């Protein structure tokens, strides 16, 4: 179970990072 939990948390962190990057790209349309 711990392995599954660590994988799930890693995936969620990756999604969070991609969302943050996406927001940054949207907030700076000039680049």
C-alpha atoms as a PDB file:
ATOM      1  CA  UNK A   1       0.000   0.000   0.000  1.00  0.00           C
ATOM      2  CA  UNK A   2       2.805   2.422   0.806  1.00  0.00           C
ATOM      3  CA  UNK A   3       4.267   2.024  -2.684  1.00  0.00           C
ATOM      4  CA  UNK A   4       0.888   2.796  -4.256  1.00  0.00           C
ATOM      5  CA  UNK A   5       0.473   5.813  -1.980  1.00  0.00           C
ATOM      6  CA  UNK A   6       3.922   7.175  -2.865  1.00  0.00           C
ATOM      7  CA  UNK A   7       3.215   6.738  -6.574  1.00  0.00           C
ATOM      8  CA  UNK A   8      -0.159   8.472  -6.231  1.00  0.00           C
ATOM      9  CA  UNK A   9       1.384  11.378  -4.319  1.00  0.00           C
ATOM     10  CA  UNK A  10       4.118  11.700  -6.954  1.00  0.00           C
ATOM     11  CA  UNK A  11       1.492  11.844  -9.691  1.00  0.00           C
ATOM     12  CA  UNK A  12      -0.479  14.476  -7.788  1.00  0.00           C
ATOM     13  CA  UNK A  13       2.665  16.561  -7.292  1.00  0.00           C
ATOM     14  CA  UNK A  14       3.441  16.312 -11.004  1.00  0.00           C
ATOM     15  CA  UNK A  15      -0.106  17.444 -11.825  1.00  0.00           C
ATOM     16  CA  UNK A  16       0.249  20.363  -9.391  1.00  0.00           C
ATOM     17  CA  UNK A  17       3.534  21.421 -11.011  1.00  0.00           C
ATOM     18  CA  UNK A  18       2.086  21.186 -14.531  1.00  0.00           C
ATOM     19  CA  UNK A  19      -0.960  23.211 -13.446  1.00  0.00           C
ATOM     20  CA  UNK A  20       1.308  25.872 -11.935  1.00  0.00           C
ATOM     21  CA  UNK A  21       3.395  26.011 -15.118  1.00  0.00           C
ATOM     22  CA  UNK A  22       0.236  26.260 -17.217  1.00  0.00           C
ATOM     23  CA  UNK A  23      -1.019  29.175 -15.100  1.00  0.00           C
ATOM     24  CA  UNK A  24       2.342  30.936 -15.465  1.00  0.00           C
ATOM     25  CA  UNK A  25       2.244  30.463 -19.244  1.00  0.00           C
ATOM     26  CA  UNK A  26      -1.292  31.857 -19.363  1.00  0.00           C
ATOM     27  CA  UNK A  27      -0.427  34.830 -17.143  1.00  0.00           C
ATOM     28  CA  UNK A  28       2.490  35.764 -19.451  1.00  0.00           C
ATOM     29  CA  UNK A  29       1.035  35.638 -22.998  1.00  0.00           C
ATOM     30  CA  UNK A  30       3.843  37.804 -24.391  1.00  0.00           C
ATOM     31  CA  UNK A  31       6.458  35.049 -24.032  1.00  0.00           C
END
